């Protein structure tokens, strides 16, 4: 399995404690880059800039990605551009949250 797929798989186990959908399907992961040496960069956002669970979510993402054996290093960036919106969620997430 390619490293990017492994990263997506572990991101699907990270949840905002207030929302019953994982961060990947919520559309909070904006970018996953893996270079030739398996250095990883992930840009992610939150549903709101003042999210009370921000530290918990970021640490969970960090621990799970760094727990993948092939990952040499991780550069995890919290970004707020573009602003997150419901349209960024997967169809499954929208269905789970009653938006469909």
Protein backbone atom coordinates (compact mmCIF):
# COMPACT_ATOMS: atom_id res chain seq x y z
CA UNK A 1 0.00 0.00 0.00
CA UNK A 2 1.45 3.41 -0.93
CA UNK A 3 2.38 5.65 2.00
CA UNK A 4 -0.24 8.27 1.14
CA UNK A 5 -2.95 5.60 1.33
CA UNK A 6 -1.65 4.51 4.74
CA UNK A 7 -1.82 8.11 5.92
CA UNK A 8 -5.42 8.46 4.71
CA UNK A 9 -6.28 5.19 6.46
CA UNK A 10 -5.00 6.43 9.84
CA UNK A 11 -6.60 9.86 9.33
CA UNK A 12 -9.93 8.07 9.06
CA UNK A 13 -9.43 7.03 12.71
CA UNK A 14 -9.11 10.63 13.97
CA UNK A 15 -12.33 12.24 15.15
CA UNK A 16 -13.34 15.62 16.43
CA UNK A 17 -14.86 14.66 19.82
CA UNK A 18 -17.90 16.82 19.03
CA UNK A 19 -18.61 15.36 15.56
CA UNK A 20 -19.12 11.64 14.78
CA UNK A 21 -17.18 11.83 11.48
CA UNK A 22 -13.43 11.44 10.92
CA UNK A 23 -11.25 14.42 9.97
CA UNK A 24 -10.57 13.08 6.47
CA UNK A 25 -14.24 12.67 5.50
CA UNK A 26 -15.07 15.99 7.16
CA UNK A 27 -12.77 17.58 4.58
CA UNK A 28 -10.35 18.96 7.18
CA UNK A 29 -7.29 17.55 5.38
CA UNK A 30 -6.35 19.96 2.61
CA UNK A 31 -3.06 18.47 1.42
CA UNK A 32 -0.92 15.35 1.90
CA UNK A 33 2.53 15.44 0.30
CA UNK A 34 5.11 12.66 0.49
CA UNK A 35 8.59 13.17 -0.95
CA UNK A 36 11.10 10.55 -2.15
CA UNK A 37 12.57 10.18 1.38
CA UNK A 38 9.10 9.71 2.95
CA UNK A 39 9.07 13.13 4.56
CA UNK A 40 5.41 14.04 4.90
CA UNK A 41 3.66 17.40 4.87
CA UNK A 42 0.01 17.65 5.84
CA UNK A 43 -2.05 20.83 5.70
CA UNK A 44 -5.25 20.64 7.68
CA UNK A 45 -7.88 22.93 9.09
CA UNK A 46 -10.62 22.88 11.69
CA UNK A 47 -14.36 23.36 11.38
CA UNK A 48 -13.92 26.64 13.29
CA UNK A 49 -10.77 28.64 14.15
CA UNK A 50 -11.68 28.63 17.85
CA UNK A 51 -12.37 24.88 18.02
CA UNK A 52 -11.98 23.83 21.67
CA UNK A 53 -10.66 20.40 20.61
CA UNK A 54 -7.95 21.80 18.31
CA UNK A 55 -4.97 20.65 20.40
CA UNK A 56 -6.45 17.18 20.90
CA UNK A 57 -7.20 16.74 17.18
CA UNK A 58 -3.80 18.02 16.03
CA UNK A 59 -1.94 15.77 18.49
CA UNK A 60 -4.01 12.74 17.46
CA UNK A 61 -3.22 13.42 13.77
CA UNK A 62 0.48 13.87 14.61
CA UNK A 63 0.75 10.69 16.69
CA UNK A 64 -1.07 8.52 14.16
CA UNK A 65 0.91 9.70 11.14
CA UNK A 66 4.24 9.52 12.98
CA UNK A 67 3.24 6.01 14.08
CA UNK A 68 3.44 4.80 10.48
CA UNK A 69 6.79 3.03 10.20
CA UNK A 70 7.73 4.44 6.79
CA UNK A 71 7.22 8.10 7.78
CA UNK A 72 10.63 9.73 8.20
CA UNK A 73 9.36 13.14 9.36
CA UNK A 74 6.09 15.04 9.55
CA UNK A 75 5.43 18.72 8.93
CA UNK A 76 1.86 19.25 10.15
CA UNK A 77 0.45 22.68 9.34
CA UNK A 78 -2.80 24.17 10.60
CA UNK A 79 -4.23 26.46 7.92
CA UNK A 80 -7.43 28.47 7.63
CA UNK A 81 -7.31 29.32 3.92
CA UNK A 82 -9.50 28.36 2.27
CA UNK A 83 -12.08 28.53 5.02
CA UNK A 84 -13.69 25.15 5.73
CA UNK A 85 -17.29 24.67 4.64
CA UNK A 86 -19.82 21.84 4.56
CA UNK A 87 -19.26 21.41 0.82
CA UNK A 88 -15.80 19.99 1.64
CA UNK A 89 -17.28 16.93 3.38
CA UNK A 90 -17.55 13.58 1.67
CA UNK A 91 -21.01 12.36 0.71
CA UNK A 92 -20.78 9.79 3.52
CA UNK A 93 -20.05 12.52 6.07
CA UNK A 94 -22.96 14.64 4.84
CA UNK A 95 -25.26 11.63 5.10
CA UNK A 96 -24.02 10.77 8.61
CA UNK A 97 -24.60 14.34 9.79
CA UNK A 98 -28.02 14.63 8.13
CA UNK A 99 -27.05 17.16 5.46
CA UNK A 100 -28.40 15.01 2.61
